[in-house]
Protein backbone atom coordinates (compact mmCIF):
# COMPACT_ATOMS: atom_id res chain seq x y z
CA UNK A 1 -25.27 8.60 -5.11
CA UNK A 2 -22.76 6.31 -6.75
CA UNK A 3 -19.07 7.07 -6.56
CA UNK A 4 -18.29 7.91 -10.19
CA UNK A 5 -14.51 7.60 -9.71
CA UNK A 6 -14.95 4.12 -8.26
CA UNK A 7 -17.29 3.14 -11.09
CA UNK A 8 -14.79 4.38 -13.67
CA UNK A 9 -11.95 2.44 -12.01
CA UNK A 10 -14.06 -0.72 -11.98
CA UNK A 11 -14.79 -0.17 -15.66
CA UNK A 12 -11.06 0.18 -16.34
CA UNK A 13 -10.46 -3.02 -14.37
CA UNK A 14 -12.97 -4.88 -16.53
CA UNK A 15 -10.99 -3.80 -19.59
CA UNK A 16 -7.58 -4.66 -18.11
CA UNK A 17 -7.90 -6.91 -15.01
CA UNK A 18 -4.14 -7.25 -14.52
CA UNK A 19 -3.15 -3.58 -14.66
CA UNK A 20 -1.19 -2.85 -11.48
CA UNK A 21 -1.95 0.88 -11.53
CA UNK A 22 -5.71 0.24 -11.72
CA UNK A 23 -5.48 -2.28 -8.87
CA UNK A 24 -3.53 0.26 -6.82
CA UNK A 25 -6.02 3.02 -7.61
CA UNK A 26 -8.90 0.77 -6.57
CA UNK A 27 -7.19 -0.17 -3.31
CA UNK A 28 -6.57 3.49 -2.57
CA UNK A 29 -10.13 4.47 -3.48
CA UNK A 30 -11.64 1.76 -1.27
CA UNK A 31 -9.30 2.82 1.53
CA UNK A 32 -10.48 6.42 1.24
CA UNK A 33 -14.09 5.18 1.32
CA UNK A 34 -13.29 3.21 4.50
CA UNK A 35 -14.11 -0.08 2.80
CA UNK A 36 -11.24 -1.77 4.60
CA UNK A 37 -11.96 -5.31 3.38
CA UNK A 38 -11.89 -4.35 -0.29
CA UNK A 39 -8.85 -2.12 0.22
CA UNK A 40 -6.99 -5.05 1.80
CA UNK A 41 -8.09 -7.36 -1.02
CA UNK A 42 -6.65 -5.11 -3.71
CA UNK A 43 -3.45 -4.25 -1.81
CA UNK A 44 -2.81 -7.93 -1.10
CA UNK A 45 -3.52 -8.83 -4.73
CA UNK A 46 -0.85 -6.30 -5.70
CA UNK A 47 1.68 -7.70 -3.23
CA UNK A 48 1.04 -11.25 -4.47
CA UNK A 49 0.71 -10.62 -8.20
CA UNK A 50 2.75 -7.42 -8.68
CA UNK A 51 5.34 -7.52 -5.89
CA UNK A 52 7.51 -4.85 -7.56
CA UNK A 53 4.76 -2.22 -7.41
CA UNK A 54 6.53 -0.29 -4.66
CA UNK A 55 3.72 2.13 -3.75
CA UNK A 56 1.65 -0.72 -2.39
CA UNK A 57 3.84 -1.40 0.63
CA UNK A 58 3.58 1.98 2.31
CA UNK A 59 -0.20 2.16 2.03
CA UNK A 60 -0.77 -1.47 2.98
CA UNK A 61 1.47 -0.98 6.01
CA UNK A 62 -0.47 2.12 7.03
CA UNK A 63 -3.73 0.20 6.64
CA UNK A 64 -2.41 -2.58 8.87
CA UNK A 65 -1.39 0.04 11.44
CA UNK A 66 -4.85 1.61 11.25
CA UNK A 67 -6.29 -1.82 12.07
CA UNK A 68 -3.95 -2.23 15.05
CA UNK A 69 -1.81 -4.87 13.34
CA UNK A 70 1.59 -3.29 13.92
CA UNK A 71 3.59 -6.50 13.41
CA UNK A 72 2.05 -7.02 9.97
CA UNK A 73 2.73 -3.37 9.13
CA UNK A 74 6.38 -3.71 10.13
CA UNK A 75 6.73 -6.84 8.00
CA UNK A 76 5.18 -5.11 4.98
CA UNK A 77 7.42 -2.05 5.41
CA UNK A 78 10.48 -4.33 5.50
CA UNK A 79 9.41 -6.14 2.33
CA UNK A 80 8.74 -2.81 0.65
CA UNK A 81 12.17 -1.48 1.63
CA UNK A 82 13.80 -4.52 0.00
CA UNK A 83 11.83 -3.97 -3.21
CA UNK A 84 12.50 -0.20 -3.22
CA UNK A 85 16.20 -0.80 -2.64
CA UNK A 86 16.37 -3.34 -5.47
CA UNK A 87 14.64 -0.90 -7.81
CA UNK A 88 16.85 1.95 -6.58
CA UNK A 89 13.72 3.95 -5.71
CA UNK A 90 15.26 6.10 -2.99
CA UNK A 91 12.13 8.22 -2.47
CA UNK A 92 9.97 5.16 -1.74
CA UNK A 93 12.76 3.67 0.36
CA UNK A 94 12.91 6.82 2.46
CA UNK A 95 9.14 6.87 3.01
CA UNK A 96 9.07 3.20 3.91
CA UNK A 97 12.05 3.58 6.24
CA UNK A 98 10.31 6.44 8.04
CA UNK A 99 7.07 4.47 8.39
CA UNK A 100 9.01 1.42 9.57
CA UNK A 101 10.96 3.45 12.14
CA UNK A 102 7.76 4.93 13.53
CA UNK A 103 5.93 1.59 13.67
CA UNK A 104 8.92 -0.14 15.24
CA UNK A 105 9.39 2.64 17.79
CA UNK A 106 12.77 3.62 16.38
CA UNK A 107 11.97 7.24 15.69
CA UNK A 108 13.33 9.53 18.29
CA UNK A 109 14.50 13.08 18.53
CA UNK A 110 17.86 14.19 19.75
CA UNK A 111 17.73 16.59 22.67
């Protein structure tokens, strides 16, 4: 059975190949389908062609972590924090900071 959501997103992409939201939705859909290679391709396309699309950085970082590439994840989180800060997107900044702290081993609890 074909994934109708994926097919619809691909159809949208055909109509508007440079739409950052469609690229993000495709990356997320492929990630949820465990098609890691295609998820990476779309997330990296976003980072390269739409670097201000803040949502990319958190999910790309998590995907790197899932693949055991913690250093790449940390780098992506840092880049995302810079973008979020420049856009004054405090919610995204907070999420990225939390992910960065965890990946970098900086999260700790006070006793």
